[in-house]
């Protein structure tokens, strides 16, 4: 899979997660979802192999895990990721 194809798949996954969260009544930004996707895929407990192409089942699993985590009401892990997104969006531009 080329880099452009991989980026397209990732963008599709992100959009799908944003839509599913919206249907469930939770508005989330694409940036927050991107951070969550990265956290889920890189978490060894989820057993994703980043060196191979994701199957449709893998994609469904990523979407399901991310939506579940983004819908949690009292989650210190989610709050931490939200703070990371806020920091990344507001302070990295000041370094330049």
PDB file of N, CA and C in Angstrom:
ATOM      1  N   UNK A   1       0.856  -1.173   0.000  1.00  0.00           N
ATOM      2  CA  UNK A   1       0.000   0.000   0.000  1.00  0.00           C
ATOM      3  C   UNK A   1       0.899   1.232   0.000  1.00  0.00           C
ATOM      4  N   UNK A   2       0.590   2.158  -0.885  1.00  0.00           N
ATOM      5  CA  UNK A   2       1.397   3.376  -0.960  1.00  0.00           C
ATOM      6  C   UNK A   2       1.077   4.296   0.211  1.00  0.00           C
ATOM      7  N   UNK A   3       1.937   5.260   0.403  1.00  0.00           N
ATOM      8  CA  UNK A   3       1.734   6.224   1.491  1.00  0.00           C
ATOM      9  C   UNK A   3       0.424   6.988   1.296  1.00  0.00           C
ATOM     10  N   UNK A   4       0.127   7.375   0.050  1.00  0.00           N
ATOM     11  CA  UNK A   4      -1.110   8.110  -0.239  1.00  0.00           C
ATOM     12  C   UNK A   4      -2.337   7.257   0.074  1.00  0.00           C
ATOM     13  N   UNK A   5      -2.280   5.976  -0.269  1.00  0.00           N
ATOM     14  CA  UNK A   5      -3.395   5.081   0.036  1.00  0.00           C
ATOM     15  C   UNK A   5      -3.565   4.923   1.545  1.00  0.00           C
ATOM     16  N   UNK A   6      -2.463   4.770   2.250  1.00  0.00           N
ATOM     17  CA  UNK A   6      -2.516   4.623   3.708  1.00  0.00           C
ATOM     18  C   UNK A   6      -3.121   5.866   4.353  1.00  0.00           C
ATOM     19  N   UNK A   7      -2.712   7.044   3.885  1.00  0.00           N
ATOM     20  CA  UNK A   7      -3.269   8.286   4.425  1.00  0.00           C
ATOM     21  C   UNK A   7      -4.760   8.376   4.141  1.00  0.00           C
ATOM     22  N   UNK A   8      -5.180   7.922   2.964  1.00  0.00           N
ATOM     23  CA  UNK A   8      -6.602   7.917   2.623  1.00  0.00           C
ATOM     24  C   UNK A   8      -7.400   7.008   3.535  1.00  0.00           C
ATOM     25  N   UNK A   9      -6.854   5.840   3.838  1.00  0.00           N
ATOM     26  CA  UNK A   9      -7.523   4.896   4.739  1.00  0.00           C
ATOM     27  C   UNK A   9      -7.634   5.501   6.133  1.00  0.00           C
ATOM     28  N   UNK A  10      -6.572   6.125   6.596  1.00  0.00           N
ATOM     29  CA  UNK A  10      -6.584   6.743   7.926  1.00  0.00           C
ATOM     30  C   UNK A  10      -7.622   7.856   7.986  1.00  0.00           C
ATOM     31  N   UNK A  11      -7.681   8.692   6.959  1.00  0.00           N
ATOM     32  CA  UNK A  11      -8.673   9.780   6.930  1.00  0.00           C
ATOM     33  C   UNK A  11     -10.090   9.221   6.930  1.00  0.00           C
ATOM     34  N   UNK A  12     -10.305   8.129   6.206  1.00  0.00           N
ATOM     35  CA  UNK A  12     -11.624   7.497   6.180  1.00  0.00           C
ATOM     36  C   UNK A  12     -11.992   6.963   7.561  1.00  0.00           C
ATOM     37  N   UNK A  13     -11.048   6.332   8.237  1.00  0.00           N
ATOM     38  CA  UNK A  13     -11.285   5.819   9.591  1.00  0.00           C
ATOM     39  C   UNK A  13     -11.631   6.970  10.528  1.00  0.00           C
ATOM     40  N   UNK A  14     -10.884   8.059  10.439  1.00  0.00           N
ATOM     41  CA  UNK A  14     -11.125   9.216  11.306  1.00  0.00           C
ATOM     42  C   UNK A  14     -12.519   9.774  11.063  1.00  0.00           C
ATOM     43  N   UNK A  15     -12.898   9.958   9.792  1.00  0.00           N
ATOM     44  CA  UNK A  15     -14.230  10.490   9.481  1.00  0.00           C
ATOM     45  C   UNK A  15     -15.336   9.572   9.996  1.00  0.00           C
ATOM     46  N   UNK A  16     -15.136   8.266   9.853  1.00  0.00           N
ATOM     47  CA  UNK A  16     -16.134   7.309  10.327  1.00  0.00           C
ATOM     48  C   UNK A  16     -16.301   7.398  11.843  1.00  0.00           C
ATOM     49  N   UNK A  17     -15.212   7.536  12.568  1.00  0.00           N
ATOM     50  CA  UNK A  17     -15.279   7.651  14.028  1.00  0.00           C
ATOM     51  C   UNK A  17     -15.981   8.946  14.424  1.00  0.00           C
ATOM     52  N   UNK A  18     -15.652  10.046  13.755  1.00  0.00           N
ATOM     53  CA  UNK A  18     -16.304  11.333  14.036  1.00  0.00           C
ATOM     54  C   UNK A  18     -17.810  11.200  13.825  1.00  0.00           C
ATOM     55  N   UNK A  19     -18.223  10.558  12.725  1.00  0.00           N
ATOM     56  CA  UNK A  19     -19.648  10.391  12.434  1.00  0.00           C
ATOM     57  C   UNK A  19     -20.334   9.508  13.467  1.00  0.00           C
ATOM     58  N   UNK A  20     -19.704   8.406  13.846  1.00  0.00           N
ATOM     59  CA  UNK A  20     -20.312   7.513  14.839  1.00  0.00           C
ATOM     60  C   UNK A  20     -20.477   8.207  16.186  1.00  0.00           C
ATOM     61  N   UNK A  21     -19.484   8.994  16.570  1.00  0.00           N
ATOM     62  CA  UNK A  21     -19.589   9.732  17.834  1.00  0.00           C
ATOM     63  C   UNK A  21     -20.712  10.766  17.756  1.00  0.00           C
ATOM     64  N   UNK A  22     -20.843  11.426  16.612  1.00  0.00           N
ATOM     65  CA  UNK A  22     -21.905  12.424  16.433  1.00  0.00           C
ATOM     66  C   UNK A  22     -23.280  11.770  16.529  1.00  0.00           C
ATOM     67  N   UNK A  23     -23.431  10.601  15.940  1.00  0.00           N
ATOM     68  CA  UNK A  23     -24.697   9.872  16.010  1.00  0.00           C
ATOM     69  C   UNK A  23     -25.040   9.534  17.457  1.00  0.00           C
ATOM     70  N   UNK A  24     -24.009   9.265  18.261  1.00  0.00           N
ATOM     71  CA  UNK A  24     -24.217   8.925  19.672  1.00  0.00           C
ATOM     72  C   UNK A  24     -24.281  10.159  20.567  1.00  0.00           C
ATOM     73  N   UNK A  25     -24.232  11.358  19.961  1.00  0.00           N
ATOM     74  CA  UNK A  25     -24.405  12.591  20.721  1.00  0.00           C
ATOM     75  C   UNK A  25     -23.136  13.221  21.247  1.00  0.00           C
ATOM     76  N   UNK A  26     -21.985  12.783  20.780  1.00  0.00           N
ATOM     77  CA  UNK A  26     -20.710  13.328  21.258  1.00  0.00           C
ATOM     78  C   UNK A  26     -19.967  13.956  20.087  1.00  0.00           C
ATOM     79  N   UNK A  27     -19.771  15.262  20.138  1.00  0.00           N
ATOM     80  CA  UNK A  27     -19.006  15.950  19.096  1.00  0.00           C
ATOM     81  C   UNK A  27     -17.519  15.835  19.418  1.00  0.00           C
ATOM     82  N   UNK A  28     -16.741  15.352  18.457  1.00  0.00           N
ATOM     83  CA  UNK A  28     -15.295  15.223  18.628  1.00  0.00           C
ATOM     84  C   UNK A  28     -14.602  15.798  17.399  1.00  0.00           C
ATOM     85  N   UNK A  29     -13.433  16.350  17.615  1.00  0.00           N
ATOM     86  CA  UNK A  29     -12.676  16.906  16.493  1.00  0.00           C
ATOM     87  C   UNK A  29     -11.887  15.802  15.792  1.00  0.00           C
ATOM     88  N   UNK A  30     -11.564  16.052  14.532  1.00  0.00           N
ATOM     89  CA  UNK A  30     -10.745  15.091  13.795  1.00  0.00           C
ATOM     90  C   UNK A  30      -9.366  14.955  14.440  1.00  0.00           C
ATOM     91  N   UNK A  31      -8.868  16.039  15.018  1.00  0.00           N
ATOM     92  CA  UNK A  31      -7.555  15.995  15.665  1.00  0.00           C
ATOM     93  C   UNK A  31      -7.584  15.067  16.877  1.00  0.00           C
ATOM     94  N   UNK A  32      -8.622  15.189  17.697  1.00  0.00           N
ATOM     95  CA  UNK A  32      -8.759  14.302  18.859  1.00  0.00           C
ATOM     96  C   UNK A  32      -8.868  12.849  18.407  1.00  0.00           C
ATOM     97  N   UNK A  33      -9.657  12.617  17.375  1.00  0.00           N
ATOM     98  CA  UNK A  33      -9.824  11.256  16.868  1.00  0.00           C
ATOM     99  C   UNK A  33      -8.497  10.710  16.339  1.00  0.00           C
ATOM    100  N   UNK A  34      -7.728  11.543  15.653  1.00  0.00           N
ATOM    101  CA  UNK A  34      -6.431  11.104  15.131  1.00  0.00           C
ATOM    102  C   UNK A  34      -5.499  10.688  16.269  1.00  0.00           C
ATOM    103  N   UNK A  35      -5.483  11.470  17.347  1.00  0.00           N
ATOM    104  CA  UNK A  35      -4.671  11.107  18.514  1.00  0.00           C
ATOM    105  C   UNK A  35      -5.148   9.778  19.095  1.00  0.00           C
ATOM    106  N   UNK A  36      -6.466   9.594  19.176  1.00  0.00           N
ATOM    107  CA  UNK A  36      -7.025   8.365  19.745  1.00  0.00           C
ATOM    108  C   UNK A  36      -6.702   7.159  18.866  1.00  0.00           C
ATOM    109  N   UNK A  37      -6.821   7.324  17.553  1.00  0.00           N
ATOM    110  CA  UNK A  37      -6.496   6.224  16.638  1.00  0.00           C
ATOM    111  C   UNK A  37      -5.041   5.802  16.828  1.00  0.00           C
ATOM    112  N   UNK A  38      -4.165   6.785  16.908  1.00  0.00           N
ATOM    113  CA  UNK A  38      -2.743   6.475  17.096  1.00  0.00           C
ATOM    114  C   UNK A  38      -2.529   5.738  18.422  1.00  0.00           C
ATOM    115  N   UNK A  39      -3.172   6.213  19.484  1.00  0.00           N
ATOM    116  CA  UNK A  39      -3.026   5.576  20.795  1.00  0.00           C
ATOM    117  C   UNK A  39      -3.539   4.134  20.774  1.00  0.00           C
ATOM    118  N   UNK A  40      -4.665   3.916  20.123  1.00  0.00           N
ATOM    119  CA  UNK A  40      -5.260   2.576  20.064  1.00  0.00           C
ATOM    120  C   UNK A  40      -4.390   1.626  19.241  1.00  0.00           C
ATOM    121  N   UNK A  41      -3.930   2.090  18.088  1.00  0.00           N
ATOM    122  CA  UNK A  41      -3.140   1.226  17.208  1.00  0.00           C
ATOM    123  C   UNK A  41      -1.781   0.894  17.825  1.00  0.00           C
ATOM    124  N   UNK A  42      -1.191   1.844  18.530  1.00  0.00           N
ATOM    125  CA  UNK A  42       0.130   1.612  19.109  1.00  0.00           C
ATOM    126  C   UNK A  42       0.097   0.884  20.453  1.00  0.00           C
ATOM    127  N   UNK A  43      -1.085   0.757  21.056  1.00  0.00           N
ATOM    128  CA  UNK A  43      -1.215   0.048  22.330  1.00  0.00           C
ATOM    129  C   UNK A  43      -1.033  -1.456  22.094  1.00  0.00           C
ATOM    130  N   UNK A  44       0.007  -2.053  22.670  1.00  0.00           N
ATOM    131  CA  UNK A  44       0.266  -3.479  22.415  1.00  0.00           C
ATOM    132  C   UNK A  44      -0.864  -4.403  22.872  1.00  0.00           C
ATOM    133  N   UNK A  45      -1.678  -3.967  23.796  1.00  0.00           N
ATOM    134  CA  UNK A  45      -2.798  -4.797  24.257  1.00  0.00           C
ATOM    135  C   UNK A  45      -3.816  -5.044  23.148  1.00  0.00           C
ATOM    136  N   UNK A  46      -3.864  -4.147  22.152  1.00  0.00           N
ATOM    137  CA  UNK A  46      -4.826  -4.295  21.059  1.00  0.00           C
ATOM    138  C   UNK A  46      -4.299  -5.166  19.921  1.00  0.00           C
ATOM    139  N   UNK A  47      -3.026  -5.526  20.001  1.00  0.00           N
ATOM    140  CA  UNK A  47      -2.397  -6.475  19.080  1.00  0.00           C
ATOM    141  C   UNK A  47      -2.507  -6.101  17.602  1.00  0.00           C
ATOM    142  N   UNK A  48      -2.313  -4.825  17.289  1.00  0.00           N
ATOM    143  CA  UNK A  48      -2.253  -4.412  15.889  1.00  0.00           C
ATOM    144  C   UNK A  48      -0.810  -4.488  15.428  1.00  0.00           C
ATOM    145  N   UNK A  49      -0.615  -4.987  14.226  1.00  0.00           N
ATOM    146  CA  UNK A  49       0.718  -5.047  13.636  1.00  0.00           C
ATOM    147  C   UNK A  49       0.835  -3.883  12.656  1.00  0.00           C
ATOM    148  N   UNK A  50       1.611  -2.875  13.011  1.00  0.00           N
ATOM    149  CA  UNK A  50       1.713  -1.670  12.178  1.00  0.00           C
ATOM    150  C   UNK A  50       2.532  -1.906  10.916  1.00  0.00           C
ATOM    151  N   UNK A  51       3.160  -3.067  10.806  1.00  0.00           N
ATOM    152  CA  UNK A  51       3.980  -3.371   9.632  1.00  0.00           C
ATOM    153  C   UNK A  51       3.198  -4.070   8.519  1.00  0.00           C
ATOM    154  N   UNK A  52       1.914  -4.281   8.729  1.00  0.00           N
ATOM    155  CA  UNK A  52       1.120  -4.910   7.676  1.00  0.00           C
ATOM    156  C   UNK A  52      -0.137  -4.077   7.411  1.00  0.00           C
ATOM    157  N   UNK A  53      -0.737  -4.319   6.277  1.00  0.00           N
ATOM    158  CA  UNK A  53      -1.947  -3.600   5.887  1.00  0.00           C
ATOM    159  C   UNK A  53      -3.103  -4.017   6.791  1.00  0.00           C
ATOM    160  N   UNK A  54      -3.903  -3.043   7.206  1.00  0.00           N
ATOM    161  CA  UNK A  54      -5.066  -3.338   8.034  1.00  0.00           C
ATOM    162  C   UNK A  54      -6.132  -4.053   7.210  1.00  0.00           C
ATOM    163  N   UNK A  55      -6.722  -5.079   7.772  1.00  0.00           N
ATOM    164  CA  UNK A  55      -7.845  -5.758   7.133  1.00  0.00           C
ATOM    165  C   UNK A  55      -9.122  -5.002   7.476  1.00  0.00           C
ATOM    166  N   UNK A  56     -10.227  -5.367   6.826  1.00  0.00           N
ATOM    167  CA  UNK A  56     -11.511  -4.733   7.151  1.00  0.00           C
ATOM    168  C   UNK A  56     -11.871  -4.999   8.608  1.00  0.00           C
ATOM    169  N   UNK A  57     -11.559  -6.190   9.074  1.00  0.00           N
ATOM    170  CA  UNK A  57     -11.834  -6.527  10.474  1.00  0.00           C
ATOM    171  C   UNK A  57     -11.005  -5.637  11.408  1.00  0.00           C
ATOM    172  N   UNK A  58      -9.758  -5.387  11.046  1.00  0.00           N
ATOM    173  CA  UNK A  58      -8.907  -4.491  11.837  1.00  0.00           C
ATOM    174  C   UNK A  58      -9.510  -3.091  11.895  1.00  0.00           C
ATOM    175  N   UNK A  59      -9.983  -2.614  10.741  1.00  0.00           N
ATOM    176  CA  UNK A  59     -10.573  -1.272  10.675  1.00  0.00           C
ATOM    177  C   UNK A  59     -11.800  -1.195  11.573  1.00  0.00           C
ATOM    178  N   UNK A  60     -12.684  -2.204  11.493  1.00  0.00           N
ATOM    179  CA  UNK A  60     -13.864  -2.220  12.356  1.00  0.00           C
ATOM    180  C   UNK A  60     -13.459  -2.232  13.822  1.00  0.00           C
ATOM    181  N   UNK A  61     -12.412  -2.987  14.144  1.00  0.00           N
ATOM    182  CA  UNK A  61     -11.932  -3.079  15.527  1.00  0.00           C
ATOM    183  C   UNK A  61     -11.388  -1.726  16.005  1.00  0.00           C
ATOM    184  N   UNK A  62     -10.611  -1.047  15.158  1.00  0.00           N
ATOM    185  CA  UNK A  62     -10.079   0.283  15.505  1.00  0.00           C
ATOM    186  C   UNK A  62     -11.227   1.252  15.740  1.00  0.00           C
ATOM    187  N   UNK A  63     -12.189   1.266  14.822  1.00  0.00           N
ATOM    188  CA  UNK A  63     -13.328   2.182  14.947  1.00  0.00           C
ATOM    189  C   UNK A  63     -14.087   1.897  16.234  1.00  0.00           C
ATOM    190  N   UNK A  64     -14.367   0.636  16.499  1.00  0.00           N
ATOM    191  CA  UNK A  64     -15.119   0.253  17.697  1.00  0.00           C
ATOM    192  C   UNK A  64     -14.385   0.655  18.975  1.00  0.00           C
ATOM    193  N   UNK A  65     -13.090   0.368  19.041  1.00  0.00           N
ATOM    194  CA  UNK A  65     -12.307   0.735  20.225  1.00  0.00           C
ATOM    195  C   UNK A  65     -12.274   2.249  20.425  1.00  0.00           C
ATOM    196  N   UNK A  66     -12.046   2.984  19.344  1.00  0.00           N
ATOM    197  CA  UNK A  66     -11.942   4.443  19.456  1.00  0.00           C
ATOM    198  C   UNK A  66     -13.267   5.069  19.869  1.00  0.00           C
ATOM    199  N   UNK A  67     -14.354   4.633  19.244  1.00  0.00           N
ATOM    200  CA  UNK A  67     -15.665   5.182  19.603  1.00  0.00           C
ATOM    201  C   UNK A  67     -15.956   4.876  21.068  1.00  0.00           C
ATOM    202  N   UNK A  68     -15.680   3.672  21.496  1.00  0.00           N
ATOM    203  CA  UNK A  68     -15.903   3.309  22.897  1.00  0.00           C
ATOM    204  C   UNK A  68     -15.124   4.188  23.852  1.00  0.00           C
ATOM    205  N   UNK A  69     -13.869   4.428  23.537  1.00  0.00           N
ATOM    206  CA  UNK A  69     -13.036   5.253  24.423  1.00  0.00           C
ATOM    207  C   UNK A  69     -13.442   6.720  24.378  1.00  0.00           C
ATOM    208  N   UNK A  70     -13.845   7.198  23.218  1.00  0.00           N
ATOM    209  CA  UNK A  70     -14.250   8.604  23.100  1.00  0.00           C
ATOM    210  C   UNK A  70     -15.601   8.871  23.760  1.00  0.00           C
ATOM    211  N   UNK A  71     -16.407   7.846  23.946  1.00  0.00           N
ATOM    212  CA  UNK A  71     -17.721   8.007  24.560  1.00  0.00           C
ATOM    213  C   UNK A  71     -17.685   7.859  26.083  1.00  0.00           C
ATOM    214  N   UNK A  72     -16.547   7.478  26.642  1.00  0.00           N
ATOM    215  CA  UNK A  72     -16.445   7.307  28.091  1.00  0.00           C
ATOM    216  C   UNK A  72     -16.693   8.633  28.800  1.00  0.00           C
ATOM    217  N   UNK A  73     -17.449   8.582  29.875  1.00  0.00           N
ATOM    218  CA  UNK A  73     -17.812   9.806  30.605  1.00  0.00           C
ATOM    219  C   UNK A  73     -16.726  10.248  31.580  1.00  0.00           C
ATOM    220  N   UNK A  74     -16.222   9.356  32.380  1.00  0.00           N
ATOM    221  CA  UNK A  74     -15.200   9.703  33.376  1.00  0.00           C
ATOM    222  C   UNK A  74     -13.940   8.909  33.080  1.00  0.00           C
ATOM    223  N   UNK A  75     -13.106   9.462  32.218  1.00  0.00           N
ATOM    224  CA  UNK A  75     -11.916   8.741  31.790  1.00  0.00           C
ATOM    225  C   UNK A  75     -10.684   9.627  31.899  1.00  0.00           C
ATOM    226  N   UNK A  76      -9.839   9.367  32.886  1.00  0.00           N
ATOM    227  CA  UNK A  76      -8.592  10.130  32.989  1.00  0.00           C
ATOM    228  C   UNK A  76      -7.729   9.999  31.730  1.00  0.00           C
ATOM    229  N   UNK A  77      -7.749   8.828  31.099  1.00  0.00           N
ATOM    230  CA  UNK A  77      -6.959   8.635  29.874  1.00  0.00           C
ATOM    231  C   UNK A  77      -7.467   9.548  28.758  1.00  0.00           C
ATOM    232  N   UNK A  78      -8.781   9.637  28.605  1.00  0.00           N
ATOM    233  CA  UNK A  78      -9.361  10.514  27.582  1.00  0.00           C
ATOM    234  C   UNK A  78      -9.069  11.973  27.904  1.00  0.00           C
ATOM    235  N   UNK A  79      -9.177  12.340  29.169  1.00  0.00           N
ATOM    236  CA  UNK A  79      -8.858  13.718  29.564  1.00  0.00           C
ATOM    237  C   UNK A  79      -7.405  14.057  29.251  1.00  0.00           C
ATOM    238  N   UNK A  80      -6.514  13.099  29.465  1.00  0.00           N
ATOM    239  CA  UNK A  80      -5.093  13.317  29.169  1.00  0.00           C
ATOM    240  C   UNK A  80      -4.875  13.524  27.675  1.00  0.00           C
ATOM    241  N   UNK A  81      -5.531  12.716  26.857  1.00  0.00           N
ATOM    242  CA  UNK A  81      -5.394  12.877  25.402  1.00  0.00           C
ATOM    243  C   UNK A  81      -5.968  14.218  24.962  1.00  0.00           C
ATOM    244  N   UNK A  82      -7.078  14.636  25.559  1.00  0.00           N
ATOM    245  CA  UNK A  82      -7.648  15.951  25.224  1.00  0.00           C
ATOM    246  C   UNK A  82      -6.672  17.072  25.579  1.00  0.00           C
ATOM    247  N   UNK A  83      -5.989  16.935  26.709  1.00  0.00           N
ATOM    248  CA  UNK A  83      -4.987  17.943  27.082  1.00  0.00           C
ATOM    249  C   UNK A  83      -3.821  17.933  26.108  1.00  0.00           C
ATOM    250  N   UNK A  84      -3.415  16.752  25.662  1.00  0.00           N
ATOM    251  CA  UNK A  84      -2.331  16.662  24.679  1.00  0.00           C
ATOM    252  C   UNK A  84      -2.727  17.350  23.375  1.00  0.00           C
ATOM    253  N   UNK A  85      -3.958  17.142  22.943  1.00  0.00           N
ATOM    254  CA  UNK A  85      -4.449  17.789  21.719  1.00  0.00           C
ATOM    255  C   UNK A  85      -4.448  19.295  21.904  1.00  0.00           C
ATOM    256  N   UNK A  86      -4.953  19.755  23.048  1.00  0.00           N
ATOM    257  CA  UNK A  86      -4.988  21.194  23.321  1.00  0.00           C
ATOM    258  C   UNK A  86      -3.576  21.776  23.288  1.00  0.00           C
ATOM    259  N   UNK A  87      -2.648  21.114  23.944  1.00  0.00           N
ATOM    260  CA  UNK A  87      -1.264  21.585  23.965  1.00  0.00           C
ATOM    261  C   UNK A  87      -0.683  21.595  22.561  1.00  0.00           C
ATOM    262  N   UNK A  88      -0.896  20.514  21.829  1.00  0.00           N
ATOM    263  CA  UNK A  88      -0.357  20.406  20.472  1.00  0.00           C
ATOM    264  C   UNK A  88      -0.914  21.501  19.561  1.00  0.00           C
ATOM    265  N   UNK A  89      -2.184  21.805  19.712  1.00  0.00           N
ATOM    266  CA  UNK A  89      -2.820  22.799  18.839  1.00  0.00           C
ATOM    267  C   UNK A  89      -2.464  24.232  19.232  1.00  0.00           C
ATOM    268  N   UNK A  90      -2.156  24.468  20.501  1.00  0.00           N
ATOM    269  CA  UNK A  90      -1.956  25.839  20.964  1.00  0.00           C
ATOM    270  C   UNK A  90      -0.510  26.245  21.202  1.00  0.00           C
ATOM    271  N   UNK A  91       0.357  25.311  21.477  1.00  0.00           N
ATOM    272  CA  UNK A  91       1.713  25.686  21.866  1.00  0.00           C
ATOM    273  C   UNK A  91       2.792  25.315  20.857  1.00  0.00           C
ATOM    274  N   UNK A  92       2.540  24.354  20.004  1.00  0.00           N
ATOM    275  CA  UNK A  92       3.577  23.995  19.031  1.00  0.00           C
ATOM    276  C   UNK A  92       3.795  25.104  18.015  1.00  0.00           C
ATOM    277  N   UNK A  93       2.745  25.857  17.716  1.00  0.00           N
ATOM    278  CA  UNK A  93       2.898  26.942  16.740  1.00  0.00           C
ATOM    279  C   UNK A  93       3.733  28.088  17.307  1.00  0.00           C
ATOM    280  N   UNK A  94       3.832  28.203  18.597  1.00  0.00           N
ATOM    281  CA  UNK A  94       4.612  29.280  19.222  1.00  0.00           C
ATOM    282  C   UNK A  94       6.111  29.043  19.102  1.00  0.00           C
ATOM    283  N   UNK A  95       6.499  27.767  18.922  1.00  0.00           N
ATOM    284  CA  UNK A  95       7.920  27.465  18.783  1.00  0.00           C
ATOM    285  C   UNK A  95       8.487  28.022  17.488  1.00  0.00           C
ATOM    286  N   UNK A  96       7.670  28.188  16.501  1.00  0.00           N
ATOM    287  CA  UNK A  96       8.142  28.634  15.183  1.00  0.00           C
ATOM    288  C   UNK A  96       8.383  30.082  15.137  1.00  0.00           C
TER     289      UNK A  96
END
